[in-house]
C-alpha atoms as a PDB file:
ATOM      1  CA  MET A   1       8.821  48.121  67.491  1.00  0.00           C
ATOM      2  CA  SER A   2      11.079  46.541  69.758  1.00  0.00           C
ATOM      3  CA  SER A   3      12.577  48.061  73.067  1.00  0.00           C
ATOM      4  CA  ARG A   4      15.890  50.259  71.778  1.00  0.00           C
ATOM      5  CA  PRO A   5      18.857  47.299  71.859  1.00  0.00           C
ATOM      6  CA  ASP A   6      21.924  47.868  73.993  1.00  0.00           C
ATOM      7  CA  ILE A   7      24.081  47.381  70.828  1.00  0.00           C
ATOM      8  CA  LEU A   8      23.798  47.363  67.000  1.00  0.00           C
ATOM      9  CA  CYS A   9      25.588  44.661  64.893  1.00  0.00           C
ATOM     10  CA  ILE A  10      25.611  45.810  61.240  1.00  0.00           C
ATOM     11  CA  GLY A  11      27.017  42.795  58.544  1.00  0.00           C
ATOM     12  CA  ALA A  12      25.709  39.423  57.843  1.00  0.00           C
ATOM     13  CA  MET A  13      23.034  37.120  59.156  1.00  0.00           C
ATOM     14  CA  LEU A  14      22.883  34.154  57.512  1.00  0.00           C
ATOM     15  CA  TRP A  15      22.544  30.115  58.076  1.00  0.00           C
ATOM     16  CA  ASP A  16      25.792  28.415  58.646  1.00  0.00           C
ATOM     17  CA  VAL A  17      26.267  25.045  56.708  1.00  0.00           C
ATOM     18  CA  ILE A  18      29.624  23.462  58.587  1.00  0.00           C
ATOM     19  CA  GLY A  19      31.165  19.919  58.158  1.00  0.00           C
ATOM     20  CA  ARG A  20      33.375  18.770  60.236  1.00  0.00           C
ATOM     21  CA  ALA A  21      35.606  15.682  60.046  1.00  0.00           C
ATOM     22  CA  PRO A  22      37.427  14.002  63.257  1.00  0.00           C
ATOM     23  CA  GLN A  23      40.169  13.589  61.647  1.00  0.00           C
ATOM     24  CA  CYS A  24      42.851  15.292  59.405  1.00  0.00           C
ATOM     25  CA  MET A  25      41.859  15.744  55.713  1.00  0.00           C
ATOM     26  CA  THR A  26      43.841  16.299  52.451  1.00  0.00           C
ATOM     27  CA  GLN A  27      42.925  17.591  49.448  1.00  0.00           C
ATOM     28  CA  GLY A  28      39.998  15.814  47.890  1.00  0.00           C
ATOM     29  CA  ALA A  29      39.150  13.458  50.785  1.00  0.00           C
ATOM     30  CA  ASP A  30      35.880  12.117  51.282  1.00  0.00           C
ATOM     31  CA  VAL A  31      35.594  11.194  54.748  1.00  0.00           C
ATOM     32  CA  PRO A  32      32.533  10.279  57.319  1.00  0.00           C
ATOM     33  CA  GLY A  33      31.996  13.506  59.952  1.00  0.00           C
ATOM     34  CA  ARG A  34      28.948  15.682  60.606  1.00  0.00           C
ATOM     35  CA  ILE A  35      27.167  18.381  59.243  1.00  0.00           C
ATOM     36  CA  ARG A  36      25.211  21.290  60.958  1.00  0.00           C
ATOM     37  CA  HIS A  37      23.326  24.364  60.216  1.00  0.00           C
ATOM     38  CA  LEU A  38      23.418  26.858  62.327  1.00  0.00           C
ATOM     39  CA  PRO A  39      22.769  30.705  62.548  1.00  0.00           C
ATOM     40  CA  GLY A  40      25.356  32.863  61.695  1.00  0.00           C
ATOM     41  CA  GLY A  41      27.223  35.312  59.371  1.00  0.00           C
ATOM     42  CA  VAL A  42      29.965  37.617  62.016  1.00  0.00           C
ATOM     43  CA  ALA A  43      26.995  40.511  63.265  1.00  0.00           C
ATOM     44  CA  LEU A  44      24.445  37.569  64.032  1.00  0.00           C
ATOM     45  CA  ASN A  45      27.425  35.705  65.651  1.00  0.00           C
ATOM     46  CA  VAL A  46      28.565  38.525  67.401  1.00  0.00           C
ATOM     47  CA  ALA A  47      24.968  39.087  68.777  1.00  0.00           C
ATOM     48  CA  ILE A  48      23.957  35.721  69.678  1.00  0.00           C
ATOM     49  CA  ALA A  49      27.300  36.056  72.057  1.00  0.00           C
ATOM     50  CA  ILE A  50      26.490  39.310  73.383  1.00  0.00           C
ATOM     51  CA  ALA A  51      23.029  38.369  74.622  1.00  0.00           C
ATOM     52  CA  ARG A  52      24.755  35.416  76.409  1.00  0.00           C
ATOM     53  CA  TRP A  53      26.802  38.292  78.355  1.00  0.00           C
ATOM     54  CA  GLY A  54      22.994  39.548  79.606  1.00  0.00           C
ATOM     55  CA  MET A  55      22.842  42.547  76.988  1.00  0.00           C
ATOM     56  CA  ALA A  56      19.964  43.582  73.872  1.00  0.00           C
ATOM     57  CA  PRO A  57      21.735  43.343  70.772  1.00  0.00           C
ATOM     58  CA  ALA A  58      19.724  44.082  67.245  1.00  0.00           C
ATOM     59  CA  VAL A  59      21.390  43.111  64.019  1.00  0.00           C
ATOM     60  CA  LEU A  60      21.150  45.603  61.318  1.00  0.00           C
ATOM     61  CA  SER A  61      21.131  43.123  57.927  1.00  0.00           C
ATOM     62  CA  ALA A  62      19.833  41.895  54.946  1.00  0.00           C
ATOM     63  CA  VAL A  63      17.606  38.682  55.083  1.00  0.00           C
ATOM     64  CA  GLY A  64      15.514  36.694  52.438  1.00  0.00           C
ATOM     65  CA  ARG A  65      11.753  36.755  52.476  1.00  0.00           C
ATOM     66  CA  ASP A  66      11.778  32.588  51.946  1.00  0.00           C
ATOM     67  CA  PRO A  67      11.394  29.539  54.329  1.00  0.00           C
ATOM     68  CA  GLU A  68      14.950  29.338  55.705  1.00  0.00           C
ATOM     69  CA  GLY A  69      15.152  33.543  56.429  1.00  0.00           C
ATOM     70  CA  GLU A  70      11.658  33.055  58.235  1.00  0.00           C
ATOM     71  CA  ALA A  71      13.155  30.324  60.358  1.00  0.00           C
ATOM     72  CA  LEU A  72      16.783  32.110  61.055  1.00  0.00           C
ATOM     73  CA  ILE A  73      14.599  35.258  62.460  1.00  0.00           C
ATOM     74  CA  ALA A  74      12.810  33.159  64.656  1.00  0.00           C
ATOM     75  CA  GLU A  75      15.981  31.353  66.105  1.00  0.00           C
ATOM     76  CA  ALA A  76      17.808  34.454  66.454  1.00  0.00           C
ATOM     77  CA  GLU A  77      14.922  35.659  67.917  1.00  0.00           C
ATOM     78  CA  ARG A  78      14.747  32.788  70.295  1.00  0.00           C
ATOM     79  CA  MET A  79      18.421  33.425  71.093  1.00  0.00           C
ATOM     80  CA  GLY A  80      17.778  36.788  72.664  1.00  0.00           C
ATOM     81  CA  VAL A  81      18.707  39.085  69.537  1.00  0.00           C
ATOM     82  CA  LEU A  82      16.718  41.606  68.098  1.00  0.00           C
ATOM     83  CA  THR A  83      15.265  41.825  64.732  1.00  0.00           C
ATOM     84  CA  ALA A  84      12.850  44.352  64.213  1.00  0.00           C
ATOM     85  CA  TRP A  85      15.639  46.329  62.029  1.00  0.00           C
ATOM     86  CA  LEU A  86      16.058  43.995  59.630  1.00  0.00           C
ATOM     87  CA  THR A  87      15.640  44.664  55.594  1.00  0.00           C
ATOM     88  CA  ARG A  88      13.596  42.036  53.976  1.00  0.00           C
ATOM     89  CA  GLU A  89      13.529  43.189  50.305  1.00  0.00           C
ATOM     90  CA  THR A  90      16.586  41.958  48.555  1.00  0.00           C
ATOM     91  CA  GLY A  91      14.538  39.423  46.449  1.00  0.00           C
ATOM     92  CA  LEU A  92      17.592  37.051  46.898  1.00  0.00           C
ATOM     93  CA  PRO A  93      17.702  33.928  49.190  1.00  0.00           C
ATOM     94  CA  THR A  94      18.764  34.264  52.724  1.00  0.00           C
ATOM     95  CA  ASP A  95      22.535  34.320  52.612  1.00  0.00           C
ATOM     96  CA  CYS A  96      24.678  31.384  53.591  1.00  0.00           C
ATOM     97  CA  TYR A  97      28.221  30.202  54.945  1.00  0.00           C
ATOM     98  CA  MET A  98      29.637  26.985  53.909  1.00  0.00           C
ATOM     99  CA  ALA A  99      32.897  25.637  55.877  1.00  0.00           C
ATOM    100  CA  ILE A 100      34.574  22.296  56.340  1.00  0.00           C
ATOM    101  CA  GLU A 101      36.626  21.472  59.485  1.00  0.00           C
ATOM    102  CA  ASP A 102      38.934  18.622  60.805  1.00  0.00           C
ATOM    103  CA  SER A 103      40.375  17.682  63.522  1.00  0.00           C
ATOM    104  CA  GLN A 104      43.246  20.519  62.854  1.00  0.00           C
ATOM    105  CA  GLY A 105      40.955  23.304  62.332  1.00  0.00           C
ATOM    106  CA  LEU A 106      39.001  25.399  59.213  1.00  0.00           C
ATOM    107  CA  ILE A 107      39.935  23.749  55.860  1.00  0.00           C
ATOM    108  CA  ALA A 108      38.469  26.001  53.781  1.00  0.00           C
ATOM    109  CA  ALA A 109      35.012  28.245  53.302  1.00  0.00           C
ATOM    110  CA  ILE A 110      32.814  29.874  50.866  1.00  0.00           C
ATOM    111  CA  ALA A 111      30.924  32.711  52.449  1.00  0.00           C
ATOM    112  CA  ASP A 112      27.523  33.668  50.066  1.00  0.00           C
ATOM    113  CA  VAL A 113      26.597  36.931  51.068  1.00  0.00           C
ATOM    114  CA  HIS A 114      24.837  38.566  47.883  1.00  0.00           C
ATOM    115  CA  GLY A 115      21.783  39.383  49.359  1.00  0.00           C
ATOM    116  CA  LEU A 116      23.433  41.706  52.256  1.00  0.00           C
ATOM    117  CA  GLU A 117      25.598  43.576  49.242  1.00  0.00           C
ATOM    118  CA  LYS A 118      22.665  43.532  47.098  1.00  0.00           C
ATOM    119  CA  ALA A 119      20.561  45.500  50.048  1.00  0.00           C
ATOM    120  CA  GLY A 120      24.044  48.274  50.345  1.00  0.00           C
ATOM    121  CA  ASP A 121      22.967  51.250  52.371  1.00  0.00           C
ATOM    122  CA  ALA A 122      19.307  49.798  52.306  1.00  0.00           C
ATOM    123  CA  ILE A 123      20.189  47.885  55.937  1.00  0.00           C
ATOM    124  CA  LEU A 124      21.383  51.589  57.538  1.00  0.00           C
ATOM    125  CA  ALA A 125      17.832  52.881  57.481  1.00  0.00           C
ATOM    126  CA  PRO A 126      17.056  52.341  61.105  1.00  0.00           C
ATOM    127  CA  LEU A 127      19.755  54.706  62.051  1.00  0.00           C
ATOM    128  CA  ALA A 128      17.587  57.655  60.221  1.00  0.00           C
ATOM    129  CA  ALA A 129      13.865  56.979  61.798  1.00  0.00           C
ATOM    130  CA  ASP A 130      13.966  54.416  64.958  1.00  0.00           C
ATOM    131  CA  LEU A 131      17.696  54.334  65.819  1.00  0.00           C
ATOM    132  CA  ALA A 132      18.719  57.958  65.091  1.00  0.00           C
ATOM    133  CA  GLY A 133      21.526  59.490  66.854  1.00  0.00           C
ATOM    134  CA  TRP A 134      22.933  56.146  68.038  1.00  0.00           C
ATOM    135  CA  SER A 135      25.860  56.197  69.878  1.00  0.00           C
ATOM    136  CA  GLY A 136      26.120  53.498  71.846  1.00  0.00           C
ATOM    137  CA  PRO A 137      28.414  50.473  70.758  1.00  0.00           C
ATOM    138  CA  VAL A 138      28.148  49.146  67.240  1.00  0.00           C
ATOM    139  CA  VAL A 139      30.178  46.129  65.626  1.00  0.00           C
ATOM    140  CA  LEU A 140      30.860  46.916  61.698  1.00  0.00           C
ATOM    141  CA  ASP A 141      31.252  42.847  59.697  1.00  0.00           C
ATOM    142  CA  GLY A 142      33.765  43.353  57.143  1.00  0.00           C
ATOM    143  CA  ASN A 143      31.257  41.087  54.682  1.00  0.00           C
ATOM    144  CA  LEU A 144      29.866  44.747  54.123  1.00  0.00           C
ATOM    145  CA  THR A 145      31.450  46.478  51.009  1.00  0.00           C
ATOM    146  CA  GLU A 146      34.305  48.491  51.085  1.00  0.00           C
ATOM    147  CA  THR A 147      32.329  51.909  49.948  1.00  0.00           C
ATOM    148  CA  LEU A 148      29.146  51.234  52.516  1.00  0.00           C
ATOM    149  CA  LEU A 149      32.134  50.517  54.937  1.00  0.00           C
ATOM    150  CA  ALA A 150      33.692  53.673  54.185  1.00  0.00           C
ATOM    151  CA  SER A 151      30.332  56.035  54.477  1.00  0.00           C
ATOM    152  CA  ILE A 152      29.314  54.611  57.826  1.00  0.00           C
ATOM    153  CA  ILE A 153      32.540  55.304  59.395  1.00  0.00           C
ATOM    154  CA  ARG A 154      33.103  58.983  57.910  1.00  0.00           C
ATOM    155  CA  GLY A 155      29.281  59.786  57.760  1.00  0.00           C
ATOM    156  CA  PRO A 156      27.137  61.493  60.144  1.00  0.00           C
ATOM    157  CA  ALA A 157      24.683  58.846  61.410  1.00  0.00           C
ATOM    158  CA  LEU A 158      26.928  57.010  63.441  1.00  0.00           C
ATOM    159  CA  MET A 159      29.646  59.983  64.231  1.00  0.00           C
ATOM    160  CA  ASN A 160      29.029  59.774  68.519  1.00  0.00           C
ATOM    161  CA  ALA A 161      29.168  55.792  68.227  1.00  0.00           C
ATOM    162  CA  ASP A 162      32.011  53.043  69.596  1.00  0.00           C
ATOM    163  CA  LEU A 163      32.783  51.515  66.615  1.00  0.00           C
ATOM    164  CA  ARG A 164      33.897  47.889  66.741  1.00  0.00           C
ATOM    165  CA  ILE A 165      35.418  46.943  63.287  1.00  0.00           C
ATOM    166  CA  VAL A 166      36.054  43.223  62.314  1.00  0.00           C
ATOM    167  CA  PRO A 167      36.561  41.986  58.807  1.00  0.00           C
ATOM    168  CA  ALA A 168      34.873  38.529  58.294  1.00  0.00           C
ATOM    169  CA  SER A 169      37.915  36.959  57.163  1.00  0.00           C
ATOM    170  CA  PRO A 170      41.160  37.077  55.805  1.00  0.00           C
ATOM    171  CA  GLY A 171      40.308  37.516  52.084  1.00  0.00           C
ATOM    172  CA  LYS A 172      38.137  40.808  52.923  1.00  0.00           C
ATOM    173  CA  ALA A 173      40.537  42.260  55.237  1.00  0.00           C
ATOM    174  CA  ASP A 174      41.941  44.450  52.623  1.00  0.00           C
ATOM    175  CA  ARG A 175      38.207  46.340  52.842  1.00  0.00           C
ATOM    176  CA  LEU A 176      39.360  47.919  56.034  1.00  0.00           C
ATOM    177  CA  ARG A 177      42.816  49.734  54.883  1.00  0.00           C
ATOM    178  CA  PRO A 178      40.842  52.051  54.371  1.00  0.00           C
ATOM    179  CA  LEU A 179      39.235  52.922  57.759  1.00  0.00           C
ATOM    180  CA  ILE A 180      42.431  52.415  59.576  1.00  0.00           C
ATOM    181  CA  ALA A 181      43.650  56.362  58.770  1.00  0.00           C
ATOM    182  CA  ALA A 182      40.194  57.478  60.521  1.00  0.00           C
ATOM    183  CA  GLY A 183      41.482  56.932  63.353  1.00  0.00           C
ATOM    184  CA  ARG A 184      38.250  55.564  64.738  1.00  0.00           C
ATOM    185  CA  GLY A 185      36.962  52.352  66.721  1.00  0.00           C
ATOM    186  CA  CYS A 186      38.685  49.201  67.847  1.00  0.00           C
ATOM    187  CA  PHE A 187      39.420  46.648  65.035  1.00  0.00           C
ATOM    188  CA  TYR A 188      39.599  43.085  65.430  1.00  0.00           C
ATOM    189  CA  LEU A 189      41.918  40.816  63.713  1.00  0.00           C
ATOM    190  CA  ASN A 190      43.440  37.543  63.524  1.00  0.00           C
ATOM    191  CA  ARG A 191      47.329  37.684  63.165  1.00  0.00           C
ATOM    192  CA  ILE A 192      47.160  36.481  59.442  1.00  0.00           C
ATOM    193  CA  GLU A 193      44.533  39.743  58.228  1.00  0.00           C
ATOM    194  CA  ALA A 194      46.538  42.224  60.337  1.00  0.00           C
ATOM    195  CA  GLU A 195      49.459  40.966  58.231  1.00  0.00           C
ATOM    196  CA  ILE A 196      47.440  41.572  55.347  1.00  0.00           C
ATOM    197  CA  ILE A 197      46.274  45.056  56.364  1.00  0.00           C
ATOM    198  CA  ALA A 198      49.836  46.204  57.602  1.00  0.00           C
ATOM    199  CA  GLY A 199      51.335  44.477  54.376  1.00  0.00           C
ATOM    200  CA  ARG A 200      54.270  42.909  56.245  1.00  0.00           C
ATOM    201  CA  LYS A 201      54.583  39.611  58.561  1.00  0.00           C
ATOM    202  CA  GLY A 202      55.152  39.588  62.242  1.00  0.00           C
ATOM    203  CA  PRO A 203      56.571  37.058  64.804  1.00  0.00           C
ATOM    204  CA  ASP A 204      53.434  37.035  66.801  1.00  0.00           C
ATOM    205  CA  ALA A 205      49.858  39.285  67.790  1.00  0.00           C
ATOM    206  CA  ALA A 206      51.739  42.124  69.656  1.00  0.00           C
ATOM    207  CA  SER A 207      54.177  42.708  66.338  1.00  0.00           C
ATOM    208  CA  ALA A 208      51.282  42.517  64.168  1.00  0.00           C
ATOM    209  CA  ALA A 209      48.946  44.867  66.380  1.00  0.00           C
ATOM    210  CA  GLU A 210      51.721  47.280  66.368  1.00  0.00           C
ATOM    211  CA  ALA A 211      52.278  47.172  62.885  1.00  0.00           C
ATOM    212  CA  VAL A 212      48.546  48.525  62.143  1.00  0.00           C
ATOM    213  CA  ILE A 213      48.989  50.918  64.977  1.00  0.00           C
ATOM    214  CA  ALA A 214      51.868  52.590  62.969  1.00  0.00           C
ATOM    215  CA  LEU A 215      49.086  53.185  60.051  1.00  0.00           C
ATOM    216  CA  GLY A 216      47.487  55.159  61.959  1.00  0.00           C
ATOM    217  CA  ALA A 217      44.493  52.776  64.166  1.00  0.00           C
ATOM    218  CA  ALA A 218      43.217  54.264  67.079  1.00  0.00           C
ATOM    219  CA  ARG A 219      43.137  50.446  68.801  1.00  0.00           C
ATOM    220  CA  VAL A 220      43.954  46.887  67.792  1.00  0.00           C
ATOM    221  CA  VAL A 221      42.815  43.534  69.209  1.00  0.00           C
ATOM    222  CA  VAL A 222      44.667  40.546  67.377  1.00  0.00           C
ATOM    223  CA  THR A 223      44.215  37.188  68.198  1.00  0.00           C
ATOM    224  CA  ASP A 224      47.021  34.226  66.878  1.00  0.00           C
ATOM    225  CA  GLY A 225      44.837  31.079  67.451  1.00  0.00           C
ATOM    226  CA  PRO A 226      46.152  28.895  70.642  1.00  0.00           C
ATOM    227  CA  CYS A 227      49.344  31.815  70.725  1.00  0.00           C
ATOM    228  CA  PRO A 228      49.114  34.973  72.500  1.00  0.00           C
ATOM    229  CA  ALA A 229      46.713  37.652  71.715  1.00  0.00           C
ATOM    230  CA  ALA A 230      47.475  41.145  71.514  1.00  0.00           C
ATOM    231  CA  ASP A 231      45.811  44.552  72.920  1.00  0.00           C
ATOM    232  CA  ALA A 232      47.734  47.452  71.060  1.00  0.00           C
ATOM    233  CA  ALA A 233      46.475  51.537  71.032  1.00  0.00           C
ATOM    234  CA  GLN A 234      47.933  54.823  70.596  1.00  0.00           C
ATOM    235  CA  GLY A 235      50.118  55.893  73.392  1.00  0.00           C
ATOM    236  CA  GLU A 236      49.412  52.835  75.332  1.00  0.00           C
ATOM    237  CA  GLU A 237      51.098  49.549  76.614  1.00  0.00           C
ATOM    238  CA  THR A 238      50.826  46.889  74.222  1.00  0.00           C
ATOM    239  CA  LEU A 239      48.845  43.763  76.643  1.00  0.00           C
ATOM    240  CA  ILE A 240      48.940  40.293  75.879  1.00  0.00           C
ATOM    241  CA  GLU A 241      47.132  37.259  77.446  1.00  0.00           C
ATOM    242  CA  THR A 242      47.464  33.087  76.310  1.00  0.00           C
ATOM    243  CA  PRO A 243      44.786  31.379  75.783  1.00  0.00           C
ATOM    244  CA  PRO A 244      44.051  28.071  78.241  1.00  0.00           C
ATOM    245  CA  SER A 245      44.935  24.837  75.912  1.00  0.00           C
ATOM    246  CA  VAL A 246      42.165  22.858  74.819  1.00  0.00           C
ATOM    247  CA  THR A 247      40.895  20.177  72.512  1.00  0.00           C
ATOM    248  CA  ILE A 248      39.062  21.887  69.268  1.00  0.00           C
ATOM    249  CA  ALA A 249      35.822  20.826  68.820  1.00  0.00           C
ATOM    250  CA  ARG A 250      34.743  23.966  66.430  1.00  0.00           C
ATOM    251  CA  VAL A 251      36.506  26.830  65.180  1.00  0.00           C
ATOM    252  CA  THR A 252      33.817  28.709  63.354  1.00  0.00           C
ATOM    253  CA  GLY A 253      32.531  31.619  65.143  1.00  0.00           C
ATOM    254  CA  ALA A 254      35.762  31.899  67.820  1.00  0.00           C
ATOM    255  CA  GLY A 255      37.017  34.797  67.115  1.00  0.00           C
ATOM    256  CA  ASP A 256      32.852  36.066  67.217  1.00  0.00           C
ATOM    257  CA  CYS A 257      32.919  35.201  70.458  1.00  0.00           C
ATOM    258  CA  PHE A 258      35.981  36.805  71.149  1.00  0.00           C
ATOM    259  CA  LEU A 259      34.624  40.034  70.427  1.00  0.00           C
ATOM    260  CA  ALA A 260      31.644  39.467  72.389  1.00  0.00           C
ATOM    261  CA  ALA A 261      33.356  38.622  75.255  1.00  0.00           C
ATOM    262  CA  HIS A 262      36.048  41.370  74.823  1.00  0.00           C
ATOM    263  CA  LEU A 263      33.115  44.110  74.323  1.00  0.00           C
ATOM    264  CA  ALA A 264      30.996  42.894  76.684  1.00  0.00           C
ATOM    265  CA  ALA A 265      33.931  43.143  79.517  1.00  0.00           C
ATOM    266  CA  GLU A 266      34.608  47.062  78.183  1.00  0.00           C
ATOM    267  CA  LEU A 267      30.986  48.486  78.577  1.00  0.00           C
ATOM    268  CA  ARG A 268      31.337  46.430  82.416  1.00  0.00           C
ATOM    269  CA  LYS A 269      34.135  48.741  82.911  1.00  0.00           C
ATOM    270  CA  MET A 270      36.488  46.443  83.105  1.00  0.00           C
ATOM    271  CA  PRO A 271      40.458  46.657  83.170  1.00  0.00           C
ATOM    272  CA  ARG A 272      41.716  46.256  79.288  1.00  0.00           C
ATOM    273  CA  LYS A 273      44.015  43.148  80.729  1.00  0.00           C
ATOM    274  CA  ALA A 274      40.806  41.923  82.826  1.00  0.00           C
ATOM    275  CA  ALA A 275      38.895  42.246  79.236  1.00  0.00           C
ATOM    276  CA  LEU A 276      41.325  40.170  76.529  1.00  0.00           C
ATOM    277  CA  ARG A 277      41.778  37.968  79.650  1.00  0.00           C
ATOM    278  CA  GLN A 278      37.640  36.925  79.512  1.00  0.00           C
ATOM    279  CA  ALA A 279      37.652  37.164  75.493  1.00  0.00           C
ATOM    280  CA  VAL A 280      40.569  34.788  75.260  1.00  0.00           C
ATOM    281  CA  GLN A 281      39.107  32.227  77.651  1.00  0.00           C
ATOM    282  CA  ALA A 282      35.711  32.672  76.017  1.00  0.00           C
ATOM    283  CA  ALA A 283      37.262  32.084  72.277  1.00  0.00           C
ATOM    284  CA  ALA A 284      38.975  28.827  74.148  1.00  0.00           C
ATOM    285  CA  ALA A 285      35.496  27.957  75.596  1.00  0.00           C
ATOM    286  CA  HIS A 286      34.118  27.800  72.408  1.00  0.00           C
ATOM    287  CA  VAL A 287      36.767  25.952  70.493  1.00  0.00           C
ATOM    288  CA  SER A 288      36.122  22.841  73.402  1.00  0.00           C
ATOM    289  CA  GLY A 289      32.563  22.849  72.922  1.00  0.00           C
ATOM    290  CA  LYS A 290      31.547  25.262  76.006  1.00  0.00           C
ATOM    291  CA  ASP A 291      29.011  28.114  76.319  1.00  0.00           C
ATOM    292  CA  PRO A 292      31.688  30.770  76.679  1.00  0.00           C
ATOM    293  CA  SER A 293      29.757  32.727  79.114  1.00  0.00           C
END
């Protein structure tokens, strides 16, 4: 078995297929551009980004026993991610995410995570074996089913873990609503996701974060694209930090880079303000096409 990891990332590990056009697109547009195949999924994206900060992350996920799965595992390991605890027996092909981006950002995306959903709690089996008693940081990905997320946050396996929870997309933000009242973990949301959970709109990231805190969350970090990000926590001052202005080269994965940089900073005992600053700078570097770490 591989050496013990520093961080567990639980959720989607798949191939990203990203098509990007250099101009603004409208519905039905058929334009030239670039299409890239990249390792992806929230859990894997965060793990890859965390590895760049000098730590040893492991992914708990489901990957098919197909050529795409073998290639994905090899690439993840090459990028510093530990894969020894993956579930492989879903009987389904390796999951996939497809997105279209233009010069203004994301146009549309589809996530096919049927393998992960079918695997269910089988991906958690290592928590009762090699990784039993885990008390370190854990990133939970909203691609997991609502039932599985609820069982994780209420069950004994990760009772003492430092939970970092991310919805994966606005369409899956509702899955996190039952977890808010548990008062555990730090939630990483964009403003739209925070507004969905809170059930109301806000003028900025700070108000959106505070609305989720009012529902019982212990801590909420909210991003808002090029606008200020916010870190709100029960009984503490809400902090904001404005990202540097950059030219958009890509958008998929920016939130995962933000989370990884923020977690890396906090594991190094950096103050909340400094951690938020490192996170927005890392996300901006990713959007500009640079290596953020």
